[in-house]
Amino acid sequence: METNNSASQQPNQQQVIINNYVKQGNGLGTAGFVLALIGLLLCWVPVIDWILWLLGLIFSFIGVFKAPRGLAIAGLVISFIGIIILITLIAAVTTAVASAL
């Protein structure tokens, strides 16, 4: 008495689901934030500060139009703080030179 159980015995099959999740980043916003932060830390070095500030401002401004915007906005804020410090330092040096003459 042979019983035909082949129809009732099916192999255990597993379904594999692969989710390809691509993390969206904002490289320009991150670069703008980092450059603005380095420019703020090096505000006592005139030429390097100007270059880093300008690049940080440009990259952060472009990065604001891409998602996620967090670091791009932070880069813009730091860049505006940097320009205030830059204008203050230029005014102080100009006043000191004018009073020395």
Protein backbone atom coordinates (compact mmCIF):
# COMPACT_ATOMS: atom_id res chain seq x y z
CA MET A 1 0.00 0.00 0.00
CA GLU A 2 1.78 2.88 -1.29
CA THR A 3 0.25 6.24 -0.60
CA ASN A 4 0.81 9.06 -3.04
CA ASN A 5 1.51 12.04 -0.79
CA SER A 6 3.48 14.00 -3.36
CA ALA A 7 0.54 16.30 -4.04
CA SER A 8 0.02 17.04 -0.37
CA GLN A 9 3.72 17.54 0.39
CA GLN A 10 4.94 20.77 -1.09
CA PRO A 11 8.40 22.08 -0.36
CA ASN A 12 8.58 24.95 2.08
CA GLN A 13 9.02 28.03 -0.09
CA GLN A 14 10.07 31.39 1.23
CA GLN A 15 9.40 34.65 -0.45
CA VAL A 16 12.31 37.07 -0.40
CA ILE A 17 11.46 40.75 -0.60
CA ILE A 18 14.29 43.13 -1.39
CA ASN A 19 13.69 46.77 -0.64
CA ASN A 20 16.14 49.02 -2.39
CA TYR A 21 16.09 52.11 -0.23
CA VAL A 22 18.23 54.92 -1.51
CA LYS A 23 19.00 57.45 1.18
CA GLN A 24 18.50 60.92 -0.20
CA GLY A 25 21.22 63.30 0.80
CA ASN A 26 22.00 66.89 0.12
CA GLY A 27 25.69 66.97 -0.70
CA LEU A 28 25.76 70.63 -1.66
CA GLY A 29 23.97 71.66 1.53
CA THR A 30 26.39 69.61 3.62
CA ALA A 31 29.40 71.02 1.77
CA GLY A 32 28.06 74.56 2.24
CA PHE A 33 27.58 73.96 5.96
CA VAL A 34 31.09 72.57 6.40
CA LEU A 35 32.72 75.37 4.39
CA ALA A 36 30.77 78.06 6.23
CA LEU A 37 31.71 76.52 9.58
CA ILE A 38 35.40 76.33 8.66
CA GLY A 39 35.21 79.90 7.35
CA LEU A 40 33.70 81.03 10.63
CA LEU A 41 36.43 79.29 12.62
CA LEU A 42 39.13 80.82 10.41
CA CYS A 43 37.64 84.32 10.36
CA TRP A 44 40.97 85.77 11.53
CA VAL A 45 42.69 84.69 8.26
CA PRO A 46 41.51 87.28 5.71
CA VAL A 47 41.81 85.69 2.26
CA ILE A 48 40.99 82.12 3.29
CA ASP A 49 37.96 83.36 5.20
CA TRP A 50 36.59 85.22 2.19
CA ILE A 51 36.98 82.24 -0.12
CA LEU A 52 35.45 79.77 2.34
CA TRP A 53 32.64 82.15 3.20
CA LEU A 54 31.75 82.73 -0.45
CA LEU A 55 31.85 79.02 -1.34
CA GLY A 56 29.83 78.14 1.77
CA LEU A 57 27.24 80.75 0.90
CA ILE A 58 26.92 79.55 -2.71
CA PHE A 59 26.73 75.84 -1.86
CA SER A 60 24.26 76.43 0.98
CA PHE A 61 22.07 78.60 -1.23
CA ILE A 62 21.95 75.92 -3.93
CA GLY A 63 21.38 73.23 -1.29
CA VAL A 64 18.30 75.01 0.08
CA PHE A 65 16.42 74.00 -3.08
CA LYS A 66 17.07 70.26 -2.49
CA ALA A 67 15.72 68.00 0.24
CA PRO A 68 16.71 67.62 3.11
CA ARG A 69 17.32 71.29 3.81
CA GLY A 70 18.58 71.27 7.41
CA LEU A 71 22.31 71.62 6.91
CA ALA A 72 21.84 73.98 3.96
CA ILE A 73 19.81 76.38 6.12
CA ALA A 74 22.39 76.09 8.90
CA GLY A 75 25.12 76.87 6.35
CA LEU A 76 23.24 79.99 5.23
CA VAL A 77 22.84 81.18 8.82
CA ILE A 78 26.53 80.60 9.55
CA SER A 79 27.45 82.38 6.30
CA PHE A 80 25.39 85.43 7.31
CA ILE A 81 27.02 85.43 10.74
CA GLY A 82 30.38 85.23 8.96
CA ILE A 83 29.59 88.21 6.73
CA ILE A 84 28.61 90.26 9.80
CA ILE A 85 31.94 89.39 11.44
CA LEU A 86 33.77 90.15 8.17
CA ILE A 87 32.16 93.58 7.83
CA THR A 88 32.86 94.34 11.49
CA LEU A 89 36.54 93.40 11.12
CA ILE A 90 36.92 95.46 7.95
CA ALA A 91 35.31 98.46 9.66
CA ALA A 92 37.55 98.06 12.72
CA VAL A 93 40.71 97.84 10.62
CA THR A 94 39.66 100.81 8.48
CA THR A 95 38.94 102.88 11.58
CA ALA A 96 42.26 101.91 13.15
CA VAL A 97 44.21 102.79 10.01
CA ALA A 98 42.36 106.10 9.59
CA SER A 99 43.00 107.12 13.19
CA ALA A 100 46.68 106.21 12.89
CA LEU A 101 47.14 108.62 10.02
